[in-house]
């Protein structure tokens, strides 16, 4: 994967050395975060794993699984203080470009039904809702539905 860099940010492949910073963000943003095992397994499986750096600090990351004809976004996260500043858009655009380079025609993801800002972001990026998974996400008391979304690549 080709790195992407502007005067402000650098998007590059994730490495095991990034996991400590990723863990901090993951635990700060989510009540039920991915484990570092999830990330190391994704790296070992050859998934498309990226980090977004501001100067030398990891501020976000993304994990995408590519299969024949499709991309599945498994995780795309920015630290709270870096949300709504265009960094998520840059990360997602890199995922789209890489999916396109691998002949994917559709990009899929799941998002918590209660995560209205994320749903709005994905809709602004061309995703449409195409279903739901009942009781998919664990929450403090019970479970929450996932909204399924897709877009053409």
Protein backbone atom coordinates (compact mmCIF):
# COMPACT_ATOMS: atom_id res chain seq x y z
CA UNK A 1 0.00 0.00 0.00
CA UNK A 2 1.24 3.46 -0.88
CA UNK A 3 1.56 5.92 1.96
CA UNK A 4 -0.34 9.19 1.85
CA UNK A 5 1.05 12.38 3.30
CA UNK A 6 0.04 16.02 3.35
CA UNK A 7 1.56 18.88 5.30
CA UNK A 8 -0.54 17.84 8.32
CA UNK A 9 -1.01 14.09 8.32
CA UNK A 10 0.56 10.84 7.24
CA UNK A 11 -1.47 7.71 6.53
CA UNK A 12 0.67 4.60 6.47
CA UNK A 13 0.46 0.86 7.06
CA UNK A 14 -0.07 -0.16 10.69
CA UNK A 15 2.65 -2.11 12.49
CA UNK A 16 2.82 -3.98 15.77
CA UNK A 17 4.79 -1.03 17.15
CA UNK A 18 1.63 1.11 16.82
CA UNK A 19 -0.53 -1.07 19.05
CA UNK A 20 0.19 0.71 22.34
CA UNK A 21 -1.03 4.04 20.92
CA UNK A 22 -3.99 2.33 19.24
CA UNK A 23 -4.94 0.68 22.54
CA UNK A 24 -5.05 4.09 24.27
CA UNK A 25 -7.40 5.49 21.62
CA UNK A 26 -9.55 2.36 21.51
CA UNK A 27 -10.06 2.36 25.30
CA UNK A 28 -10.79 6.10 25.38
CA UNK A 29 -13.36 6.00 22.56
CA UNK A 30 -15.24 2.72 23.10
CA UNK A 31 -16.96 1.14 26.07
CA UNK A 32 -16.28 -2.28 24.50
CA UNK A 33 -12.98 -1.79 22.64
CA UNK A 34 -11.20 -4.18 20.32
CA UNK A 35 -8.41 -6.08 22.04
CA UNK A 36 -4.83 -5.78 20.93
CA UNK A 37 -5.26 -9.41 19.85
CA UNK A 38 -7.92 -8.26 17.37
CA UNK A 39 -5.44 -5.83 15.86
CA UNK A 40 -2.46 -8.21 15.83
CA UNK A 41 -4.67 -10.93 14.27
CA UNK A 42 -5.79 -8.45 11.60
CA UNK A 43 -2.16 -7.63 10.82
CA UNK A 44 -1.20 -11.32 10.75
CA UNK A 45 -4.14 -12.08 8.43
CA UNK A 46 -2.97 -9.51 5.92
CA UNK A 47 -5.91 -7.19 6.35
CA UNK A 48 -5.56 -3.62 5.13
CA UNK A 49 -4.52 -1.90 8.39
CA UNK A 50 -3.66 1.81 8.43
CA UNK A 51 -2.73 4.44 10.95
CA UNK A 52 -3.22 8.18 10.65
CA UNK A 53 -0.42 10.23 12.22
CA UNK A 54 -0.31 13.90 13.07
CA UNK A 55 3.38 14.70 13.33
CA UNK A 56 4.60 11.48 15.03
CA UNK A 57 1.44 10.82 17.08
CA UNK A 58 -1.04 8.13 16.01
CA UNK A 59 -4.45 9.83 16.08
CA UNK A 60 -6.52 7.23 14.26
CA UNK A 61 -6.55 3.92 12.44
CA UNK A 62 -8.57 1.73 10.13
CA UNK A 63 -8.88 -1.98 9.39
CA UNK A 64 -10.36 -3.28 6.15
CA UNK A 65 -10.80 -6.86 4.97
CA UNK A 66 -10.67 -7.35 1.23
CA UNK A 67 -12.34 -10.34 -0.41
CA UNK A 68 -13.25 -11.09 -4.00
CA UNK A 69 -15.20 -8.07 -5.21
CA UNK A 70 -15.80 -6.47 -1.83
CA UNK A 71 -14.34 -4.57 1.07
CA UNK A 72 -15.52 -4.89 4.65
CA UNK A 73 -14.54 -2.04 6.97
CA UNK A 74 -13.98 -3.65 10.35
CA UNK A 75 -12.79 -0.64 12.33
CA UNK A 76 -12.21 3.03 11.60
CA UNK A 77 -11.52 5.21 14.62
CA UNK A 78 -10.08 8.59 15.50
CA UNK A 79 -9.26 9.90 18.94
CA UNK A 80 -12.12 12.05 20.22
CA UNK A 81 -10.20 15.33 19.89
CA UNK A 82 -9.43 14.56 16.22
CA UNK A 83 -12.96 13.78 15.06
CA UNK A 84 -14.80 16.09 12.64
CA UNK A 85 -11.55 17.61 11.34
CA UNK A 86 -11.28 15.72 8.03
CA UNK A 87 -8.94 12.97 9.21
CA UNK A 88 -11.65 10.31 9.08
CA UNK A 89 -12.45 11.35 5.52
CA UNK A 90 -8.76 11.00 4.58
CA UNK A 91 -8.58 7.53 6.15
CA UNK A 92 -11.77 6.39 4.44
CA UNK A 93 -10.62 7.76 1.08
CA UNK A 94 -7.39 5.70 1.41
CA UNK A 95 -9.46 2.58 2.14
CA UNK A 96 -11.65 3.25 -0.90
CA UNK A 97 -8.60 3.75 -3.12
CA UNK A 98 -7.01 0.54 -1.89
CA UNK A 99 -10.28 -1.40 -2.31
CA UNK A 100 -10.55 -0.05 -5.86
CA UNK A 101 -6.95 -1.11 -6.56
CA UNK A 102 -7.96 -4.64 -5.51
CA UNK A 103 -11.01 -4.69 -7.81
CA UNK A 104 -13.62 -4.38 -5.07
CA UNK A 105 -16.95 -3.08 -6.33
CA UNK A 106 -18.72 -2.66 -3.00
CA UNK A 107 -17.69 -1.51 0.48
CA UNK A 108 -19.63 -2.74 3.53
CA UNK A 109 -19.67 -1.83 7.21
CA UNK A 110 -21.70 -2.02 10.41
CA UNK A 111 -22.23 0.88 12.80
CA UNK A 112 -24.01 1.19 16.12
CA UNK A 113 -27.57 2.41 15.65
CA UNK A 114 -26.99 5.04 18.36
CA UNK A 115 -23.87 6.43 16.65
CA UNK A 116 -25.67 9.16 14.70
CA UNK A 117 -22.50 11.18 13.95
CA UNK A 118 -20.84 8.13 12.35
CA UNK A 119 -23.97 7.28 10.36
CA UNK A 120 -24.11 10.87 9.10
CA UNK A 121 -20.42 10.73 8.18
CA UNK A 122 -20.84 7.50 6.24
CA UNK A 123 -23.91 8.83 4.45
CA UNK A 124 -21.95 11.96 3.47
CA UNK A 125 -19.26 9.61 2.10
CA UNK A 126 -21.76 7.85 -0.16
CA UNK A 127 -22.92 4.96 2.02
CA UNK A 128 -26.57 3.95 2.18
CA UNK A 129 -28.33 1.88 4.80
CA UNK A 130 -29.15 -1.60 3.59
CA UNK A 131 -30.23 -3.49 6.70
CA UNK A 132 -29.64 -4.12 10.37
CA UNK A 133 -28.27 -6.78 12.67
CA UNK A 134 -30.45 -7.03 15.79
CA UNK A 135 -28.61 -7.09 19.13
CA UNK A 136 -25.20 -7.02 17.43
CA UNK A 137 -23.22 -4.73 19.73
CA UNK A 138 -22.76 -5.15 23.45
CA UNK A 139 -23.65 -2.11 25.54
CA UNK A 140 -23.53 -1.41 29.28
CA UNK A 141 -26.94 -2.97 29.82
CA UNK A 142 -27.88 -5.37 27.05
CA UNK A 143 -27.32 -5.20 23.32
CA UNK A 144 -27.75 -2.68 20.51
CA UNK A 145 -28.63 -3.11 16.83
CA UNK A 146 -26.08 -2.52 14.08
CA UNK A 147 -27.01 -0.55 11.00
CA UNK A 148 -25.61 -2.17 7.84
CA UNK A 149 -24.30 0.24 5.22
CA UNK A 150 -22.77 -0.08 1.78
CA UNK A 151 -21.43 2.00 -1.06
CA UNK A 152 -20.08 1.41 -4.51
CA UNK A 153 -16.31 1.53 -4.82
